[in-house]
Amino acid sequence: RCPAGVVAGMTKPLIIGLTGSIGMGKSTVAAMFAVEGIAVFDADAAVHAMQAAGGELVGEIEAAFPGTTGANGVDRKHLGAAVLGDRDKLAKLEAIIHPAVAARREDFLESHENDDLLLFDIPLLFEKGGHAGVDVTVVVSAPHTVQRERVLARTGMTAERFEHILALQMNDADKRARADYIIDTGQSLAETRAQVRNLVKSLRQALAHPDK
């Protein structure tokens, strides 16, 4: 889409929602946006920090799911097992995590209120309705063969687990269809970096000249 068409009438900071399925290179692309001078709010990183030793959610999670925490904070494997396949328990966990993440996001916005562009790195941007809270959406995508090769190269990953994770996420084609912009990560890092740089340049130009 034309950047000016997407950005027209919007005020700073413009919030970019970045998402993509497992193995698509979302974290790598987020880092590339950071290199371009854009502050990044990483929802997953926020959750990890709040569940680490001394994290603000450890006590509440232990109270709700006894035995899922320890000296190192939340044991993500045990917590995952505790809520697996149980919608009520998952909803209970989300009711603890989501408001805390939202509060951190608000703090992030306040501390960067004078920036022109901000990036929200949100794995389940479309699945959880987070796209409603951003100005433009960017999906990172690569051919399925590339994605599969990347994911199965991870320690402890199996084909079965990979398929299970995919089943929980919106498929790549649907994400691409909903995206304002797509970053193709099936190319070299240099080519991917060029896409990011060009997109950032276009968005900044559109913000500076919204009537063009």
Protein backbone atom coordinates (compact mmCIF):
# COMPACT_ATOMS: atom_id res chain seq x y z
CA ARG A 1 0.00 0.00 0.00
CA CYS A 2 0.98 3.60 -0.43
CA PRO A 3 2.55 4.83 2.83
CA ALA A 4 0.88 8.23 2.53
CA GLY A 5 -2.51 6.53 2.22
CA VAL A 6 -1.96 4.49 5.35
CA VAL A 7 -0.39 7.27 7.40
CA ALA A 8 -2.50 10.25 6.29
CA GLY A 9 -4.03 12.12 9.19
CA MET A 10 -2.16 10.19 11.88
CA THR A 11 -0.25 11.88 14.65
CA LYS A 12 3.13 11.03 16.08
CA PRO A 13 4.27 8.67 17.31
CA LEU A 14 3.10 6.33 14.59
CA ILE A 15 2.80 2.84 16.07
CA ILE A 16 3.94 -0.08 13.93
CA GLY A 17 2.65 -3.52 14.87
CA LEU A 18 5.16 -6.21 13.87
CA THR A 19 4.16 -9.86 13.73
CA GLY A 20 4.90 -13.14 11.99
CA SER A 21 4.63 -16.87 12.51
CA ILE A 22 7.30 -18.95 14.24
CA GLY A 23 10.60 -19.08 12.38
CA MET A 24 9.84 -16.17 10.08
CA GLY A 25 12.57 -13.94 11.51
CA LYS A 26 10.45 -11.47 13.47
CA SER A 27 13.07 -10.86 16.18
CA THR A 28 15.75 -10.29 13.55
CA VAL A 29 13.55 -7.78 11.74
CA ALA A 30 12.65 -6.03 15.01
CA ALA A 31 16.36 -5.57 15.67
CA MET A 32 16.73 -4.04 12.20
CA PHE A 33 14.01 -1.49 13.02
CA ALA A 34 15.91 -0.67 16.22
CA VAL A 35 19.05 0.00 14.18
CA GLU A 36 17.01 2.56 12.23
CA GLY A 37 16.44 4.44 15.48
CA ILE A 38 13.00 3.09 16.32
CA ALA A 39 12.24 2.14 19.94
CA VAL A 40 10.87 -1.41 20.21
CA PHE A 41 8.37 -2.74 22.73
CA ASP A 42 8.77 -6.52 22.85
CA ALA A 43 5.69 -8.09 24.43
CA ASP A 44 7.37 -11.47 24.90
CA ALA A 45 10.42 -9.89 26.53
CA ALA A 46 8.15 -8.00 28.91
CA VAL A 47 6.42 -11.24 29.94
CA HIS A 48 9.77 -12.99 30.43
CA ALA A 49 11.00 -10.15 32.65
CA MET A 50 7.88 -10.18 34.79
CA GLN A 51 8.10 -13.95 35.21
CA ALA A 52 11.83 -14.05 35.99
CA ALA A 53 13.26 -14.28 39.52
CA GLY A 54 11.96 -11.28 41.45
CA GLY A 55 9.49 -10.47 38.67
CA GLU A 56 6.25 -8.74 39.58
CA LEU A 57 4.02 -11.61 38.41
CA VAL A 58 5.79 -14.55 40.07
CA GLY A 59 3.81 -14.42 43.31
CA GLU A 60 0.45 -14.03 41.61
CA ILE A 61 1.15 -16.88 39.21
CA GLU A 62 2.29 -19.15 42.04
CA ALA A 63 -0.89 -18.38 43.94
CA ALA A 64 -3.03 -19.21 40.92
CA PHE A 65 -0.97 -22.20 39.77
CA PRO A 66 0.83 -23.72 42.79
CA GLY A 67 4.14 -25.40 42.06
CA THR A 68 4.84 -23.57 38.80
CA THR A 69 7.51 -21.23 40.18
CA GLY A 70 10.87 -21.61 41.87
CA ALA A 71 14.12 -19.84 42.66
CA ASN A 72 14.43 -18.74 39.03
CA GLY A 73 10.91 -17.39 38.83
CA VAL A 74 8.19 -19.00 36.76
CA ASP A 75 9.00 -22.42 35.36
CA ARG A 76 7.54 -21.87 31.90
CA LYS A 77 7.54 -25.58 31.09
CA HIS A 78 5.53 -26.46 34.21
CA LEU A 79 3.22 -23.49 33.75
CA GLY A 80 2.62 -24.45 30.14
CA ALA A 81 1.75 -27.99 31.22
CA ALA A 82 -0.60 -26.63 33.87
CA VAL A 83 -2.73 -24.70 31.38
CA LEU A 84 -2.34 -26.94 28.32
CA GLY A 85 -5.69 -27.84 26.82
CA ASP A 86 -7.66 -26.09 29.58
CA ARG A 87 -9.33 -22.94 28.32
CA ASP A 88 -10.42 -21.80 31.77
CA LYS A 89 -6.91 -22.06 33.18
CA LEU A 90 -5.45 -20.35 30.14
CA ALA A 91 -7.97 -17.53 30.52
CA LYS A 92 -7.01 -17.25 34.19
CA LEU A 93 -3.34 -16.95 33.26
CA GLU A 94 -4.05 -14.39 30.54
CA ALA A 95 -6.08 -12.34 33.04
CA ILE A 96 -2.89 -12.06 35.10
CA ILE A 97 -0.46 -11.40 32.26
CA HIS A 98 -2.33 -9.18 29.82
CA PRO A 99 -3.09 -6.25 32.16
CA ALA A 100 0.53 -6.25 33.33
CA VAL A 101 1.81 -6.17 29.76
CA ALA A 102 -0.64 -3.38 28.94
CA ALA A 103 0.69 -1.34 31.85
CA ARG A 104 4.27 -1.79 30.65
CA ARG A 105 3.21 -0.79 27.15
CA GLU A 106 1.64 2.41 28.49
CA ASP A 107 4.85 3.21 30.37
CA PHE A 108 6.79 2.62 27.14
CA LEU A 109 4.48 4.96 25.21
CA GLU A 110 4.82 7.69 27.82
CA SER A 111 8.60 7.47 27.78
CA HIS A 112 8.70 7.73 23.97
CA GLU A 113 5.87 10.21 23.39
CA ASN A 114 8.12 12.49 21.35
CA ASP A 115 9.34 9.80 18.93
CA ASP A 116 8.10 9.76 15.34
CA LEU A 117 7.83 5.98 15.02
CA LEU A 118 7.48 3.17 17.57
CA LEU A 119 7.45 -0.58 17.05
CA PHE A 120 5.33 -3.08 18.96
CA ASP A 121 6.70 -6.62 18.52
CA ILE A 122 3.62 -8.79 19.13
CA PRO A 123 3.65 -12.50 18.16
CA LEU A 124 -0.16 -12.94 18.14
CA LEU A 125 -1.00 -9.47 16.85
CA PHE A 126 -3.98 -10.55 14.76
CA GLU A 127 -4.99 -13.58 16.79
CA LYS A 128 -5.49 -11.57 19.99
CA GLY A 129 -6.84 -8.41 18.37
CA GLY A 130 -3.73 -6.34 19.05
CA HIS A 131 -3.84 -4.91 15.52
CA ALA A 132 -6.65 -2.62 16.67
CA GLY A 133 -4.17 -0.80 18.90
CA VAL A 134 -1.56 0.00 16.24
CA ASP A 135 -1.51 2.35 13.27
CA VAL A 136 0.08 0.10 10.65
CA THR A 137 0.80 -3.63 10.58
CA VAL A 138 3.94 -5.32 9.27
CA VAL A 139 4.14 -9.07 8.74
CA VAL A 140 7.45 -10.90 8.37
CA SER A 141 7.13 -13.85 6.04
CA ALA A 142 9.20 -16.48 4.26
CA PRO A 143 8.42 -19.60 2.18
CA HIS A 144 7.17 -22.54 4.26
CA THR A 145 10.23 -24.62 3.37
CA VAL A 146 12.52 -21.90 4.77
CA GLN A 147 10.37 -21.52 7.87
CA ARG A 148 10.34 -25.25 8.54
CA GLU A 149 14.10 -25.56 8.11
CA ARG A 150 14.73 -22.70 10.54
CA VAL A 151 12.37 -24.01 13.21
CA LEU A 152 13.50 -27.64 13.08
CA ALA A 153 17.09 -26.48 13.51
CA ARG A 154 16.20 -25.23 17.00
CA THR A 155 17.32 -27.30 19.96
CA GLY A 156 14.56 -29.56 21.24
CA MET A 157 12.19 -28.82 18.37
CA THR A 158 10.35 -31.68 16.67
CA ALA A 159 8.18 -31.80 13.57
CA GLU A 160 5.18 -32.63 15.75
CA ARG A 161 5.75 -29.66 18.04
CA PHE A 162 6.26 -27.39 15.07
CA GLU A 163 2.91 -28.44 13.59
CA HIS A 164 1.22 -27.94 16.97
CA ILE A 165 2.57 -24.39 17.23
CA LEU A 166 1.47 -23.61 13.67
CA ALA A 167 -2.03 -24.85 14.49
CA LEU A 168 -2.29 -22.26 17.27
CA GLN A 169 -1.29 -19.38 15.00
CA MET A 170 -3.12 -17.71 12.13
CA ASN A 171 -1.68 -19.11 8.91
CA ASP A 172 0.89 -17.06 7.05
CA ALA A 173 -1.31 -16.40 4.02
CA ASP A 174 -4.03 -14.85 6.19
CA LYS A 175 -1.48 -12.68 8.00
CA ARG A 176 -0.07 -11.49 4.70
CA ALA A 177 -3.57 -10.65 3.48
CA ARG A 178 -4.24 -8.52 6.55
CA ALA A 179 -0.88 -6.74 6.60
CA ASP A 180 -0.31 -3.15 5.54
CA TYR A 181 3.27 -4.12 4.72
CA ILE A 182 5.16 -7.39 4.28
CA ILE A 183 8.86 -7.94 4.95
CA ASP A 184 10.14 -10.93 2.99
CA THR A 185 12.73 -12.74 5.11
CA GLY A 186 13.26 -15.54 2.65
CA GLN A 187 16.10 -13.49 1.19
CA SER A 188 19.54 -12.54 2.45
CA LEU A 189 19.93 -10.47 5.61
CA ALA A 190 21.19 -7.58 3.49
CA GLU A 191 18.07 -7.69 1.31
CA THR A 192 15.81 -7.92 4.35
CA ARG A 193 17.62 -4.99 5.95
CA ALA A 194 17.10 -2.95 2.78
CA GLN A 195 13.35 -3.65 2.93
CA VAL A 196 13.20 -2.44 6.52
CA ARG A 197 15.24 0.67 5.76
CA ASN A 198 13.05 1.53 2.76
CA LEU A 199 9.86 1.05 4.77
CA VAL A 200 11.09 3.25 7.61
CA LYS A 201 12.10 5.92 5.11
CA SER A 202 8.68 5.79 3.42
CA LEU A 203 6.78 6.01 6.71
CA ARG A 204 8.87 8.94 7.89
CA GLN A 205 8.37 10.75 4.60
CA ALA A 206 4.62 10.13 4.76
CA LEU A 207 4.50 11.50 8.31
CA ALA A 208 6.44 14.58 7.29
CA HIS A 209 4.30 15.19 4.21
CA PRO A 210 0.87 13.66 4.92
CA ASP A 211 -0.85 15.49 2.04
CA LYS A 212 1.40 14.08 -0.67
